[in-house]
Amino acid sequence: MAAGPGIARRARMKVASNVKKGRALLNLAKGDVSAISSELLGQGWRAGDPVSTGILLETASALAVWLGNIIDLLDPEIVVVGGGLGEMISNFFEEIRAQLPKYSINQKCARIPLKLARYGPDSGIAGGAALCLQGSSGKEIPAIIRKQDVRNS
């Protein structure tokens, strides 16, 4: 739902159901609904397309539900977002933060910092490599995510 393929699938469904409203995305995809990707959705959002913006706001709402549950389960001091869509969705951190109290019983949920991972789309690879190193050496690795690994947003 909040990963690139899910976002692109929702965008294709919206455009296919209302070509007139989805004209901007369809133009970016050169008229081919099946060519609509999360990258094209990002281009549409940056260009001010209301359909693209709406889909990203829906994604932010889905993330708020998910993060609310994660916050209740883990009680983190910080939430670091990475991955391929991390940078784009970081523009919606305020919307996510505003919705967290609806989905979390943790009273400090709206004060937990949401930050963009330093390694962006490569964050999963960096974390996986760190875990492999830790497993092969048998020694604990210092914190995988340090202050300098988190972008200010």
N, C-alpha and C. Protein backbone atom coordinates (compact mmCIF):
# COMPACT_ATOMS: atom_id res chain seq x y z
N MET A 1 0.82 -1.20 0.00
CA MET A 1 0.00 0.00 0.00
C MET A 1 0.86 1.27 0.00
N ALA A 2 1.96 1.24 0.77
CA ALA A 2 2.81 2.44 0.85
C ALA A 2 4.15 2.24 0.15
N ALA A 3 4.31 1.13 -0.54
CA ALA A 3 5.53 0.90 -1.32
C ALA A 3 5.25 1.30 -2.77
N GLY A 4 6.30 1.50 -3.52
CA GLY A 4 6.19 1.95 -4.90
C GLY A 4 5.18 1.19 -5.75
N PRO A 5 5.23 -0.15 -5.78
CA PRO A 5 4.28 -0.88 -6.61
C PRO A 5 2.82 -0.67 -6.19
N GLY A 6 2.55 -0.62 -4.90
CA GLY A 6 1.18 -0.40 -4.42
C GLY A 6 0.68 0.99 -4.75
N ILE A 7 1.54 1.97 -4.61
CA ILE A 7 1.16 3.35 -4.93
C ILE A 7 0.88 3.47 -6.43
N ALA A 8 1.74 2.87 -7.24
CA ALA A 8 1.55 2.92 -8.69
C ALA A 8 0.25 2.21 -9.08
N ARG A 9 -0.06 1.09 -8.44
CA ARG A 9 -1.29 0.35 -8.74
C ARG A 9 -2.52 1.22 -8.44
N ARG A 10 -2.50 1.90 -7.28
CA ARG A 10 -3.62 2.79 -6.94
C ARG A 10 -3.73 3.93 -7.96
N ALA A 11 -2.60 4.47 -8.38
CA ALA A 11 -2.61 5.56 -9.37
C ALA A 11 -3.20 5.07 -10.69
N ARG A 12 -2.80 3.89 -11.13
CA ARG A 12 -3.34 3.35 -12.39
C ARG A 12 -4.84 3.13 -12.29
N MET A 13 -5.30 2.64 -11.14
CA MET A 13 -6.75 2.41 -10.95
C MET A 13 -7.51 3.74 -10.98
N LYS A 14 -6.97 4.75 -10.33
CA LYS A 14 -7.66 6.06 -10.32
C LYS A 14 -7.72 6.66 -11.71
N VAL A 15 -6.62 6.59 -12.43
CA VAL A 15 -6.59 7.16 -13.78
C VAL A 15 -7.52 6.38 -14.70
N ALA A 16 -7.51 5.06 -14.61
CA ALA A 16 -8.36 4.24 -15.47
C ALA A 16 -9.84 4.49 -15.18
N SER A 17 -10.17 4.79 -13.92
CA SER A 17 -11.58 5.00 -13.57
C SER A 17 -12.07 6.41 -13.93
N ASN A 18 -11.13 7.34 -14.13
CA ASN A 18 -11.54 8.70 -14.48
C ASN A 18 -10.40 9.35 -15.30
N VAL A 19 -10.40 9.06 -16.57
CA VAL A 19 -9.33 9.53 -17.46
C VAL A 19 -9.25 11.05 -17.47
N LYS A 20 -10.40 11.71 -17.40
CA LYS A 20 -10.40 13.18 -17.44
C LYS A 20 -9.63 13.75 -16.24
N LYS A 21 -9.92 13.24 -15.04
CA LYS A 21 -9.20 13.72 -13.85
C LYS A 21 -7.73 13.31 -13.87
N GLY A 22 -7.45 12.14 -14.42
CA GLY A 22 -6.09 11.62 -14.42
C GLY A 22 -5.26 12.01 -15.62
N ARG A 23 -5.74 13.00 -16.37
CA ARG A 23 -5.07 13.40 -17.62
C ARG A 23 -3.59 13.74 -17.42
N ALA A 24 -3.24 14.44 -16.34
CA ALA A 24 -1.83 14.84 -16.13
C ALA A 24 -0.94 13.61 -15.99
N LEU A 25 -1.37 12.63 -15.20
CA LEU A 25 -0.58 11.40 -15.04
C LEU A 25 -0.54 10.63 -16.36
N LEU A 26 -1.65 10.57 -17.02
CA LEU A 26 -1.71 9.86 -18.30
C LEU A 26 -0.78 10.50 -19.32
N ASN A 27 -0.70 11.82 -19.32
CA ASN A 27 0.23 12.50 -20.23
C ASN A 27 1.68 12.16 -19.89
N LEU A 28 1.99 12.11 -18.59
CA LEU A 28 3.36 11.73 -18.20
C LEU A 28 3.69 10.31 -18.65
N ALA A 29 2.67 9.45 -18.67
CA ALA A 29 2.86 8.06 -19.07
C ALA A 29 2.70 7.88 -20.58
N LYS A 30 2.68 8.97 -21.33
CA LYS A 30 2.54 8.96 -22.79
C LYS A 30 1.30 8.19 -23.24
N GLY A 31 0.20 8.36 -22.47
CA GLY A 31 -1.07 7.77 -22.84
C GLY A 31 -1.27 6.33 -22.44
N ASP A 32 -0.28 5.72 -21.80
CA ASP A 32 -0.35 4.30 -21.44
C ASP A 32 -0.57 4.15 -19.93
N VAL A 33 -1.79 3.82 -19.53
CA VAL A 33 -2.12 3.69 -18.10
C VAL A 33 -1.17 2.69 -17.42
N SER A 34 -0.82 1.61 -18.12
CA SER A 34 0.04 0.58 -17.51
C SER A 34 1.46 1.08 -17.25
N ALA A 35 1.83 2.21 -17.85
CA ALA A 35 3.17 2.77 -17.66
C ALA A 35 3.25 3.70 -16.45
N ILE A 36 2.13 3.94 -15.78
CA ILE A 36 2.15 4.83 -14.61
C ILE A 36 2.89 4.13 -13.48
N SER A 37 3.92 4.79 -12.98
CA SER A 37 4.76 4.25 -11.91
C SER A 37 4.79 5.25 -10.76
N SER A 38 5.37 4.82 -9.66
CA SER A 38 5.50 5.75 -8.53
C SER A 38 6.42 6.92 -8.89
N GLU A 39 7.38 6.68 -9.76
CA GLU A 39 8.26 7.77 -10.21
C GLU A 39 7.46 8.82 -10.98
N LEU A 40 6.57 8.37 -11.87
CA LEU A 40 5.74 9.32 -12.61
C LEU A 40 4.77 10.03 -11.68
N LEU A 41 4.27 9.31 -10.69
CA LEU A 41 3.39 9.93 -9.70
C LEU A 41 4.14 11.06 -8.98
N GLY A 42 5.41 10.82 -8.63
CA GLY A 42 6.23 11.85 -8.00
C GLY A 42 6.40 13.06 -8.90
N GLN A 43 6.60 12.81 -10.18
CA GLN A 43 6.70 13.93 -11.13
C GLN A 43 5.40 14.71 -11.18
N GLY A 44 4.29 13.98 -11.18
CA GLY A 44 2.99 14.65 -11.20
C GLY A 44 2.77 15.48 -9.95
N TRP A 45 3.14 14.93 -8.80
CA TRP A 45 2.99 15.66 -7.54
C TRP A 45 3.84 16.94 -7.55
N ARG A 46 5.10 16.80 -7.98
CA ARG A 46 5.98 17.98 -8.03
C ARG A 46 5.45 19.05 -8.99
N ALA A 47 4.71 18.63 -10.02
CA ALA A 47 4.13 19.57 -10.98
C ALA A 47 2.79 20.13 -10.51
N GLY A 48 2.32 19.68 -9.34
CA GLY A 48 1.08 20.21 -8.79
C GLY A 48 -0.18 19.46 -9.19
N ASP A 49 -0.05 18.25 -9.73
CA ASP A 49 -1.21 17.47 -10.13
C ASP A 49 -2.03 17.05 -8.91
N PRO A 50 -3.31 17.42 -8.86
CA PRO A 50 -4.14 17.09 -7.69
C PRO A 50 -4.37 15.59 -7.50
N VAL A 51 -4.43 14.82 -8.58
CA VAL A 51 -4.61 13.36 -8.44
C VAL A 51 -3.37 12.75 -7.79
N SER A 52 -2.21 13.15 -8.24
CA SER A 52 -0.96 12.65 -7.65
C SER A 52 -0.87 13.04 -6.18
N THR A 53 -1.20 14.27 -5.88
CA THR A 53 -1.18 14.75 -4.49
C THR A 53 -2.15 13.94 -3.64
N GLY A 54 -3.34 13.69 -4.16
CA GLY A 54 -4.34 12.93 -3.42
C GLY A 54 -3.87 11.52 -3.11
N ILE A 55 -3.22 10.88 -4.07
CA ILE A 55 -2.71 9.52 -3.86
C ILE A 55 -1.62 9.52 -2.79
N LEU A 56 -0.76 10.53 -2.82
CA LEU A 56 0.29 10.60 -1.80
C LEU A 56 -0.30 10.92 -0.42
N LEU A 57 -1.35 11.71 -0.37
CA LEU A 57 -2.02 11.96 0.92
C LEU A 57 -2.68 10.68 1.44
N GLU A 58 -3.26 9.87 0.54
CA GLU A 58 -3.81 8.57 0.94
C GLU A 58 -2.69 7.67 1.49
N THR A 59 -1.54 7.72 0.85
CA THR A 59 -0.40 6.92 1.29
C THR A 59 0.06 7.39 2.67
N ALA A 60 0.10 8.69 2.88
CA ALA A 60 0.47 9.23 4.18
C ALA A 60 -0.51 8.77 5.26
N SER A 61 -1.78 8.73 4.93
CA SER A 61 -2.79 8.26 5.89
C SER A 61 -2.58 6.78 6.21
N ALA A 62 -2.29 5.97 5.20
CA ALA A 62 -2.01 4.54 5.44
C ALA A 62 -0.78 4.38 6.31
N LEU A 63 0.23 5.19 6.07
CA LEU A 63 1.44 5.12 6.91
C LEU A 63 1.15 5.55 8.34
N ALA A 64 0.27 6.50 8.51
CA ALA A 64 -0.09 6.94 9.87
C ALA A 64 -0.72 5.80 10.65
N VAL A 65 -1.59 5.04 10.00
CA VAL A 65 -2.22 3.88 10.66
C VAL A 65 -1.13 2.88 11.05
N TRP A 66 -0.27 2.55 10.10
CA TRP A 66 0.79 1.56 10.33
C TRP A 66 1.74 2.04 11.42
N LEU A 67 2.19 3.30 11.31
CA LEU A 67 3.13 3.82 12.30
C LEU A 67 2.49 3.92 13.69
N GLY A 68 1.21 4.24 13.74
CA GLY A 68 0.52 4.27 15.03
C GLY A 68 0.60 2.92 15.72
N ASN A 69 0.41 1.86 14.97
CA ASN A 69 0.52 0.51 15.54
C ASN A 69 1.95 0.18 15.94
N ILE A 70 2.89 0.56 15.11
CA ILE A 70 4.31 0.30 15.43
C ILE A 70 4.72 1.07 16.68
N ILE A 71 4.29 2.31 16.80
CA ILE A 71 4.61 3.12 17.98
C ILE A 71 4.03 2.47 19.23
N ASP A 72 2.80 1.97 19.15
CA ASP A 72 2.20 1.30 20.32
C ASP A 72 2.97 0.03 20.67
N LEU A 73 3.43 -0.68 19.68
CA LEU A 73 4.13 -1.94 19.90
C LEU A 73 5.56 -1.75 20.42
N LEU A 74 6.29 -0.80 19.83
CA LEU A 74 7.73 -0.68 20.12
C LEU A 74 8.12 0.53 20.97
N ASP A 75 7.25 1.53 21.08
CA ASP A 75 7.53 2.75 21.82
C ASP A 75 8.90 3.34 21.44
N PRO A 76 9.10 3.64 20.14
CA PRO A 76 10.40 4.15 19.70
C PRO A 76 10.65 5.59 20.13
N GLU A 77 11.91 5.96 20.18
CA GLU A 77 12.28 7.35 20.44
C GLU A 77 12.31 8.16 19.16
N ILE A 78 12.45 7.47 18.03
CA ILE A 78 12.51 8.12 16.72
C ILE A 78 12.01 7.11 15.69
N VAL A 79 11.43 7.61 14.60
CA VAL A 79 11.04 6.76 13.48
C VAL A 79 11.84 7.26 12.28
N VAL A 80 12.61 6.35 11.69
CA VAL A 80 13.43 6.69 10.54
C VAL A 80 12.83 6.02 9.31
N VAL A 81 12.56 6.82 8.29
CA VAL A 81 11.93 6.33 7.07
C VAL A 81 12.96 6.33 5.95
N GLY A 82 13.10 5.21 5.29
CA GLY A 82 14.01 5.10 4.16
C GLY A 82 13.30 4.44 3.00
N GLY A 83 14.07 3.83 2.15
CA GLY A 83 13.49 3.14 1.01
C GLY A 83 13.30 4.07 -0.18
N GLY A 84 12.83 3.49 -1.25
CA GLY A 84 12.70 4.23 -2.50
C GLY A 84 11.77 5.43 -2.45
N LEU A 85 10.74 5.36 -1.63
CA LEU A 85 9.79 6.46 -1.56
C LEU A 85 9.99 7.35 -0.34
N GLY A 86 11.00 7.04 0.46
CA GLY A 86 11.23 7.79 1.70
C GLY A 86 11.34 9.28 1.49
N GLU A 87 12.11 9.68 0.51
CA GLU A 87 12.31 11.12 0.30
C GLU A 87 11.01 11.81 -0.11
N MET A 88 10.25 11.17 -0.99
CA MET A 88 8.99 11.79 -1.43
C MET A 88 7.99 11.86 -0.26
N ILE A 89 7.87 10.77 0.49
CA ILE A 89 6.87 10.74 1.57
C ILE A 89 7.31 11.63 2.74
N SER A 90 8.60 11.94 2.83
CA SER A 90 9.06 12.84 3.90
C SER A 90 8.41 14.21 3.79
N ASN A 91 7.95 14.57 2.62
CA ASN A 91 7.23 15.83 2.43
C ASN A 91 5.87 15.82 3.11
N PHE A 92 5.43 14.65 3.54
CA PHE A 92 4.13 14.49 4.18
C PHE A 92 4.25 14.10 5.65
N PHE A 93 5.44 14.26 6.22
CA PHE A 93 5.65 13.90 7.63
C PHE A 93 4.71 14.66 8.56
N GLU A 94 4.46 15.92 8.28
CA GLU A 94 3.56 16.70 9.15
C GLU A 94 2.14 16.14 9.11
N GLU A 95 1.67 15.75 7.92
CA GLU A 95 0.35 15.14 7.81
C GLU A 95 0.29 13.82 8.57
N ILE A 96 1.35 13.03 8.45
CA ILE A 96 1.40 11.75 9.17
C ILE A 96 1.39 12.00 10.67
N ARG A 97 2.25 12.91 11.12
CA ARG A 97 2.35 13.21 12.55
C ARG A 97 1.01 13.70 13.12
N ALA A 98 0.29 14.51 12.36
CA ALA A 98 -1.00 15.04 12.81
C ALA A 98 -2.04 13.93 12.97
N GLN A 99 -1.92 12.86 12.19
CA GLN A 99 -2.89 11.77 12.26
C GLN A 99 -2.54 10.70 13.29
N LEU A 100 -1.30 10.66 13.74
CA LEU A 100 -0.87 9.59 14.66
C LEU A 100 -1.75 9.44 15.90
N PRO A 101 -2.19 10.54 16.54
CA PRO A 101 -3.02 10.35 17.74
C PRO A 101 -4.32 9.58 17.50
N LYS A 102 -4.80 9.55 16.26
CA LYS A 102 -6.01 8.77 15.95
C LYS A 102 -5.72 7.28 15.96
N TYR A 103 -4.46 6.89 15.74
CA TYR A 103 -4.13 5.48 15.53
C TYR A 103 -3.18 4.91 16.58
N SER A 104 -2.82 5.71 17.56
CA SER A 104 -1.90 5.25 18.59
C SER A 104 -2.44 5.65 19.96
N ILE A 105 -2.28 4.77 20.94
CA ILE A 105 -2.67 5.11 22.30
C ILE A 105 -1.49 5.70 23.08
N ASN A 106 -0.33 5.71 22.47
CA ASN A 106 0.86 6.28 23.08
C ASN A 106 0.71 7.80 23.12
N GLN A 107 0.70 8.36 24.31
CA GLN A 107 0.43 9.79 24.45
C GLN A 107 1.50 10.68 23.83
N LYS A 108 2.70 10.16 23.64
CA LYS A 108 3.76 11.00 23.05
C LYS A 108 3.92 10.76 21.55
N CYS A 109 2.98 10.03 20.93
CA CYS A 109 3.14 9.66 19.52
C CYS A 109 3.36 10.85 18.59
N ALA A 110 2.68 11.96 18.82
CA ALA A 110 2.80 13.12 17.94
C ALA A 110 4.12 13.86 18.14
N ARG A 111 4.84 13.53 19.20
CA ARG A 111 6.13 14.18 19.46
C ARG A 111 7.32 13.34 19.03
N ILE A 112 7.07 12.11 18.61
CA ILE A 112 8.17 11.24 18.17
C ILE A 112 8.67 11.76 16.82
N PRO A 113 9.95 12.07 16.72
CA PRO A 113 10.47 12.61 15.46
C PRO A 113 10.36 11.60 14.32
N LEU A 114 9.91 12.08 13.17
CA LEU A 114 9.93 11.31 11.93
C LEU A 114 11.09 11.87 11.12
N LYS A 115 12.04 11.02 10.76
CA LYS A 115 13.23 11.48 10.06
C LYS A 115 13.47 10.65 8.81
N LEU A 116 14.10 11.26 7.84
CA LEU A 116 14.47 10.59 6.61
C LEU A 116 15.84 9.94 6.79
N ALA A 117 15.95 8.67 6.44
CA ALA A 117 17.21 7.95 6.56
C ALA A 117 18.27 8.56 5.64
N ARG A 118 19.47 8.59 6.10
CA ARG A 118 20.57 9.17 5.35
C ARG A 118 20.79 8.47 4.01
N TYR A 119 20.61 7.15 4.00
CA TYR A 119 20.92 6.38 2.79
C TYR A 119 19.74 6.24 1.84
N GLY A 120 18.63 6.90 2.15
CA GLY A 120 17.48 6.94 1.24
C GLY A 120 17.08 5.58 0.72
N PRO A 121 17.07 5.41 -0.61
CA PRO A 121 16.62 4.15 -1.18
C PRO A 121 17.53 2.97 -0.85
N ASP A 122 18.75 3.23 -0.40
CA ASP A 122 19.69 2.16 -0.07
C ASP A 122 19.70 1.81 1.42
N SER A 123 18.76 2.36 2.18
CA SER A 123 18.74 2.13 3.63
C SER A 123 18.57 0.66 3.98
N GLY A 124 17.71 -0.03 3.25
CA GLY A 124 17.50 -1.46 3.52
C GLY A 124 18.76 -2.26 3.26
N ILE A 125 19.46 -1.92 2.19
CA ILE A 125 20.71 -2.62 1.86
C ILE A 125 21.75 -2.36 2.94
N ALA A 126 21.87 -1.10 3.36
CA ALA A 126 22.86 -0.75 4.40
C ALA A 126 22.54 -1.48 5.70
N GLY A 127 21.27 -1.52 6.09
CA GLY A 127 20.89 -2.22 7.31
C GLY A 127 21.13 -3.72 7.22
N GLY A 128 20.78 -4.29 6.07
CA GLY A 128 21.01 -5.73 5.86
C GLY A 128 22.49 -6.06 5.91
N ALA A 129 23.32 -5.23 5.30
CA ALA A 129 24.77 -5.47 5.33
C ALA A 129 25.30 -5.39 6.75
N ALA A 130 24.80 -4.43 7.53
CA ALA A 130 25.24 -4.31 8.92
C ALA A 130 24.85 -5.55 9.72
N LEU A 131 23.65 -6.07 9.48
CA LEU A 131 23.23 -7.28 10.19
C LEU A 131 24.08 -8.48 9.80
N CYS A 132 24.43 -8.58 8.51
CA CYS A 132 25.30 -9.67 8.06
C CYS A 132 26.67 -9.58 8.72
N LEU A 133 27.22 -8.37 8.78
CA LEU A 133 28.52 -8.18 9.43
C LEU A 133 28.45 -8.56 10.90
N GLN A 134 27.37 -8.17 11.54
CA GLN A 134 27.20 -8.49 12.96
C GLN A 134 27.13 -10.00 13.14
N GLY A 135 26.37 -10.67 12.28
CA GLY A 135 26.21 -12.12 12.39
C GLY A 135 27.50 -12.87 12.11
N SER A 136 28.29 -12.42 11.15
CA SER A 136 29.50 -13.14 10.79
C SER A 136 30.62 -12.91 11.79
N SER A 137 30.63 -11.77 12.47
CA SER A 137 31.71 -11.50 13.41
C SER A 137 31.37 -11.97 14.81
N GLY A 138 30.09 -12.13 15.08
CA GLY A 138 29.68 -12.52 16.42
C GLY A 138 29.75 -11.37 17.41
N LYS A 139 30.21 -10.21 16.94
CA LYS A 139 30.32 -9.04 17.81
C LYS A 139 29.19 -8.08 17.51
N GLU A 140 28.82 -7.35 18.53
CA GLU A 140 27.78 -6.35 18.33
C GLU A 140 28.36 -5.16 17.56
N ILE A 141 27.62 -4.70 16.59
CA ILE A 141 28.03 -3.52 15.82
C ILE A 141 27.43 -2.30 16.50
N PRO A 142 28.17 -1.20 16.56
CA PRO A 142 27.56 0.02 17.11
C PRO A 142 26.28 0.35 16.36
N ALA A 143 25.45 1.14 16.97
CA ALA A 143 24.12 1.46 16.42
C ALA A 143 24.18 1.65 14.91
N ILE A 144 23.31 0.94 14.22
CA ILE A 144 23.26 1.02 12.77
C ILE A 144 22.84 2.42 12.34
N ILE A 145 21.92 3.00 13.06
CA ILE A 145 21.45 4.33 12.70
C ILE A 145 21.92 5.30 13.77
N ARG A 146 22.87 6.12 13.38
CA ARG A 146 23.41 7.13 14.27
C ARG A 146 22.87 8.48 13.85
N LYS A 147 23.09 9.49 14.67
CA LYS A 147 22.59 10.82 14.33
C LYS A 147 23.04 11.28 12.95
N GLN A 148 24.29 11.00 12.59
CA GLN A 148 24.78 11.48 11.31
C GLN A 148 24.18 10.68 10.14
N ASP A 149 23.50 9.56 10.44
CA ASP A 149 22.87 8.78 9.39
C ASP A 149 21.44 9.20 9.13
N VAL A 150 20.96 10.19 9.85
CA VAL A 150 19.58 10.64 9.71
C VAL A 150 19.58 12.07 9.19
N ARG A 151 18.82 12.29 8.12
CA ARG A 151 18.71 13.64 7.56
C ARG A 151 17.76 14.47 8.42
N ASN A 152 18.02 15.72 8.52
CA ASN A 152 17.06 16.62 9.19
C ASN A 152 15.93 16.90 8.22
N SER A 153 14.71 16.80 8.70
CA SER A 153 13.57 17.11 7.84
C SER A 153 12.49 17.78 8.63
